């Protein structure tokens, strides 16, 4: 079986190649290893291979891993990338470093109020439904600016940028289109005076297209950890 370390090396090479094609500095793109459904041992193996940032979709699963890897806490960066319910905001505010899936003000306000003051500000992105899919979470593109302005004012949070999970597309140019829309939204917000630096976009299948359109953080799971086996019923985040 090919090791996680080997998969990480291959993924980093893909990022470097995509950056070269886009004439971008590979250091400008952060690799987020999406470890959902994989255990603490897989995270530990990835950490041993130099990986530091990990993405999780399900709050309780993530909390269990964070606890199991407590001795590595200062070396790991935990990102929540799945939908977040109001009743889970306190534990997320206490345990995570980033939340990518803020899509309404109520969630941001609760995270702000519940972030422990001794911790650094919680880094947050607004999730945008760039493809307009009814089944997807995310704020509509036309509502992003108002939400961004409100979230940027909240204490205990630092608004970093935008995140999207566009519907799958075949072909490089088709994959680039939704990422281009997200980048344009970020540019508009920065033109309004919001100093945002993060575009969380791109996964295993469309990493290159996302990098071509300016992704600063790519969320890669399958290409690092392999295919997933989901339980029959997975609780919401």
Protein backbone atom coordinates (compact mmCIF):
# COMPACT_ATOMS: atom_id res chain seq x y z
CA UNK A 1 0.00 0.00 0.00
CA UNK A 2 1.30 3.43 -0.94
CA UNK A 3 1.95 5.55 2.11
CA UNK A 4 0.32 8.82 3.11
CA UNK A 5 3.79 10.38 2.97
CA UNK A 6 4.08 9.37 -0.68
CA UNK A 7 0.64 10.78 -1.48
CA UNK A 8 1.54 14.04 0.25
CA UNK A 9 4.74 14.29 -1.78
CA UNK A 10 2.79 13.70 -4.98
CA UNK A 11 0.14 16.28 -4.02
CA UNK A 12 2.77 18.88 -3.21
CA UNK A 13 4.33 18.21 -6.60
CA UNK A 14 0.94 18.78 -8.24
CA UNK A 15 0.62 22.11 -6.43
CA UNK A 16 4.14 23.13 -7.47
CA UNK A 17 3.43 22.20 -11.09
CA UNK A 18 0.12 24.07 -11.10
CA UNK A 19 1.81 27.12 -9.60
CA UNK A 20 4.54 27.00 -12.23
CA UNK A 21 1.92 26.89 -14.99
CA UNK A 22 0.12 29.87 -13.41
CA UNK A 23 3.39 31.71 -12.70
CA UNK A 24 2.65 31.71 -8.98
CA UNK A 25 4.87 31.07 -5.97
CA UNK A 26 4.11 27.59 -4.54
CA UNK A 27 4.57 29.08 -1.07
CA UNK A 28 1.40 31.10 -1.71
CA UNK A 29 -0.75 27.94 -1.71
CA UNK A 30 -1.42 26.10 1.55
CA UNK A 31 -2.23 22.40 1.44
CA UNK A 32 -5.12 21.48 3.74
CA UNK A 33 -5.25 17.70 4.24
CA UNK A 34 -8.90 16.73 4.58
CA UNK A 35 -8.83 13.93 7.13
CA UNK A 36 -12.57 13.38 7.61
CA UNK A 37 -13.51 9.70 8.15
CA UNK A 38 -9.84 8.83 8.71
CA UNK A 39 -8.57 8.22 12.23
CA UNK A 40 -6.02 9.94 14.40
CA UNK A 41 -3.32 7.52 13.22
CA UNK A 42 -3.69 8.79 9.65
CA UNK A 43 -3.32 12.38 10.86
CA UNK A 44 -0.30 11.38 12.90
CA UNK A 45 1.27 9.75 9.83
CA UNK A 46 0.63 12.86 7.74
CA UNK A 47 2.10 15.04 10.49
CA UNK A 48 5.24 12.88 10.52
CA UNK A 49 5.52 13.60 6.78
CA UNK A 50 5.46 17.34 7.43
CA UNK A 51 1.75 18.16 7.10
CA UNK A 52 0.39 20.65 9.62
CA UNK A 53 -3.08 21.82 8.48
CA UNK A 54 -6.01 19.39 8.62
CA UNK A 55 -9.62 19.82 7.52
CA UNK A 56 -12.61 18.14 9.16
CA UNK A 57 -16.30 18.09 8.20
CA UNK A 58 -17.91 16.59 11.29
CA UNK A 59 -17.51 18.32 14.62
CA UNK A 60 -17.63 15.34 16.99
CA UNK A 61 -15.30 13.25 14.85
CA UNK A 62 -12.86 16.14 14.78
CA UNK A 63 -13.05 16.71 18.53
CA UNK A 64 -12.23 13.05 19.12
CA UNK A 65 -9.15 13.36 16.90
CA UNK A 66 -8.04 16.63 18.48
CA UNK A 67 -8.22 14.94 21.89
CA UNK A 68 -6.38 11.84 20.68
CA UNK A 69 -3.60 14.04 19.28
CA UNK A 70 -3.46 16.44 22.21
CA UNK A 71 0.33 16.18 22.51
CA UNK A 72 0.63 17.56 18.95
CA UNK A 73 -1.90 20.38 19.42
CA UNK A 74 0.65 23.19 19.17
CA UNK A 75 1.94 21.75 15.90
CA UNK A 76 -1.41 21.15 14.20
CA UNK A 77 -3.88 23.57 12.65
CA UNK A 78 -7.48 22.37 12.68
CA UNK A 79 -9.95 23.67 10.08
CA UNK A 80 -13.69 23.03 10.11
CA UNK A 81 -14.84 22.86 6.50
CA UNK A 82 -18.29 21.30 6.93
CA UNK A 83 -21.66 22.91 7.70
CA UNK A 84 -21.94 24.23 11.24
CA UNK A 85 -25.12 24.16 13.31
CA UNK A 86 -25.81 26.76 16.00
CA UNK A 87 -25.70 24.21 18.79
CA UNK A 88 -22.10 23.26 17.90
CA UNK A 89 -20.58 26.74 17.75
CA UNK A 90 -19.22 26.77 21.32
CA UNK A 91 -17.09 23.63 20.98
CA UNK A 92 -15.91 24.78 17.56
CA UNK A 93 -14.97 28.23 18.89
CA UNK A 94 -13.01 26.54 21.67
CA UNK A 95 -11.25 23.82 19.67
CA UNK A 96 -10.60 24.93 16.09
CA UNK A 97 -8.20 27.39 14.48
CA UNK A 98 -10.21 28.03 11.30
CA UNK A 99 -13.84 27.78 10.19
CA UNK A 100 -14.39 27.87 6.42
CA UNK A 101 -18.14 27.36 6.40
CA UNK A 102 -19.63 30.56 7.86
CA UNK A 103 -22.70 31.33 5.74
CA UNK A 104 -24.90 33.42 8.02
CA UNK A 105 -24.39 36.16 10.58
CA UNK A 106 -25.93 34.21 13.47
CA UNK A 107 -23.20 31.58 13.26
CA UNK A 108 -20.46 34.21 13.12
CA UNK A 109 -21.92 36.09 16.08
CA UNK A 110 -22.03 32.93 18.19
CA UNK A 111 -18.45 32.01 17.25
CA UNK A 112 -17.36 35.54 18.15
CA UNK A 113 -19.07 35.50 21.53
CA UNK A 114 -17.84 32.00 22.37
CA UNK A 115 -14.20 32.28 21.29
CA UNK A 116 -12.12 32.06 24.49
CA UNK A 117 -10.33 35.39 25.03
CA UNK A 118 -7.00 33.72 25.75
CA UNK A 119 -6.95 32.19 22.27
CA UNK A 120 -5.90 33.92 19.07
CA UNK A 121 -8.80 35.16 16.91
CA UNK A 122 -10.66 32.39 15.11
CA UNK A 123 -9.80 32.58 11.40
CA UNK A 124 -12.97 32.43 9.30
CA UNK A 125 -14.02 32.26 5.68
CA UNK A 126 -17.47 32.84 4.23
CA UNK A 127 -18.80 29.89 2.27
CA UNK A 128 -20.28 31.03 -1.04
CA UNK A 129 -22.69 28.94 -3.11
CA UNK A 130 -21.09 29.91 -6.42
CA UNK A 131 -22.98 27.27 -8.42
CA UNK A 132 -26.40 28.10 -6.98
CA UNK A 133 -27.09 24.50 -6.00
CA UNK A 134 -30.13 24.05 -3.79
CA UNK A 135 -28.43 21.17 -1.96
CA UNK A 136 -25.31 23.16 -1.08
CA UNK A 137 -24.67 25.38 1.91
CA UNK A 138 -23.33 28.85 1.36
CA UNK A 139 -24.37 32.45 1.06
CA UNK A 140 -25.60 33.64 -2.34
CA UNK A 141 -23.00 35.70 -4.24
CA UNK A 142 -25.21 38.80 -4.12
CA UNK A 143 -25.33 38.64 -0.31
CA UNK A 144 -21.61 38.16 0.30
CA UNK A 145 -20.65 41.82 0.66
CA UNK A 146 -23.18 42.62 3.40
CA UNK A 147 -22.27 39.49 5.36
CA UNK A 148 -18.55 40.15 4.98
CA UNK A 149 -18.86 43.68 6.32
CA UNK A 150 -20.82 42.45 9.35
CA UNK A 151 -18.48 39.55 10.13
CA UNK A 152 -15.37 41.72 9.76
CA UNK A 153 -16.58 43.87 12.65
CA UNK A 154 -16.96 41.00 15.13
CA UNK A 155 -14.40 40.63 17.95
CA UNK A 156 -12.66 37.32 18.42
CA UNK A 157 -12.79 36.55 14.71
CA UNK A 158 -10.58 37.42 11.78
CA UNK A 159 -12.30 37.31 8.41
CA UNK A 160 -9.74 35.86 6.01
CA UNK A 161 -11.63 35.29 2.78
CA UNK A 162 -14.04 33.08 0.86
CA UNK A 163 -14.63 29.35 0.42
CA UNK A 164 -16.62 27.42 -2.15
CA UNK A 165 -17.49 23.85 -3.10
CA UNK A 166 -18.67 24.15 -6.71
CA UNK A 167 -20.48 21.34 -8.47
CA UNK A 168 -18.14 18.92 -10.26
CA UNK A 169 -17.23 19.82 -13.83
CA UNK A 170 -15.40 18.03 -16.62
CA UNK A 171 -12.50 19.75 -18.31
CA UNK A 172 -10.01 22.36 -17.14
CA UNK A 173 -11.83 25.45 -18.42
CA UNK A 174 -15.18 24.31 -17.02
CA UNK A 175 -13.52 23.71 -13.67
CA UNK A 176 -11.93 27.17 -13.70
CA UNK A 177 -15.22 29.05 -14.18
CA UNK A 178 -16.67 28.81 -10.62
CA UNK A 179 -13.25 29.47 -9.10
CA UNK A 180 -12.98 32.59 -11.26
CA UNK A 181 -16.33 33.78 -9.90
CA UNK A 182 -15.13 33.34 -6.32
CA UNK A 183 -11.91 35.22 -7.04
CA UNK A 184 -13.91 38.08 -8.57
CA UNK A 185 -16.02 38.28 -5.40
CA UNK A 186 -12.88 38.47 -3.26
CA UNK A 187 -11.50 41.21 -5.49
CA UNK A 188 -14.73 43.18 -5.09
CA UNK A 189 -14.60 42.89 -1.30
CA UNK A 190 -10.99 44.03 -1.23
CA UNK A 191 -11.85 46.96 -3.47
CA UNK A 192 -14.35 47.96 -0.77
CA UNK A 193 -11.55 48.04 1.79
CA UNK A 194 -11.70 44.55 3.31
CA UNK A 195 -8.16 43.18 3.50
CA UNK A 196 -8.88 39.54 2.64
CA UNK A 197 -6.15 37.11 1.62
CA UNK A 198 -7.72 33.65 1.40
CA UNK A 199 -9.44 31.76 -1.39
CA UNK A 200 -10.29 28.30 -0.04
CA UNK A 201 -11.10 26.42 -3.21
CA UNK A 202 -10.01 23.35 -5.10
CA UNK A 203 -10.07 19.67 -4.16
CA UNK A 204 -8.41 16.50 -5.43
CA UNK A 205 -10.17 16.57 -8.82
CA UNK A 206 -9.79 20.28 -9.64
CA UNK A 207 -6.67 21.39 -7.77
CA UNK A 208 -4.95 22.70 -10.91
CA UNK A 209 -7.94 24.77 -12.03
CA UNK A 210 -8.26 26.31 -8.57
CA UNK A 211 -4.59 27.25 -8.43
CA UNK A 212 -4.86 28.79 -11.90
CA UNK A 213 -7.60 31.07 -10.56
CA UNK A 214 -5.74 32.14 -7.44
CA UNK A 215 -6.53 29.56 -4.73
CA UNK A 216 -4.45 30.19 -1.63
CA UNK A 217 -5.70 27.11 0.22
CA UNK A 218 -6.59 23.81 -1.45
CA UNK A 219 -8.58 21.13 0.39
CA UNK A 220 -7.23 17.71 -0.57
CA UNK A 221 -8.51 14.48 0.95
CA UNK A 222 -8.80 11.51 -1.42
CA UNK A 223 -5.47 12.16 -3.14
CA UNK A 224 -3.73 12.02 0.26
CA UNK A 225 -5.67 9.52 2.36
CA UNK A 226 -7.39 7.43 -0.32
CA UNK A 227 -11.06 6.62 -0.92
CA UNK A 228 -13.52 7.00 1.94
CA UNK A 229 -15.95 4.55 3.48
CA UNK A 230 -18.85 6.48 4.96
CA UNK A 231 -20.95 5.11 7.83
CA UNK A 232 -24.63 4.45 7.11
CA UNK A 233 -25.68 7.66 8.87
CA UNK A 234 -23.36 10.56 9.60
CA UNK A 235 -24.54 13.26 12.02
CA UNK A 236 -24.51 16.80 10.75
CA UNK A 237 -21.68 19.07 11.79
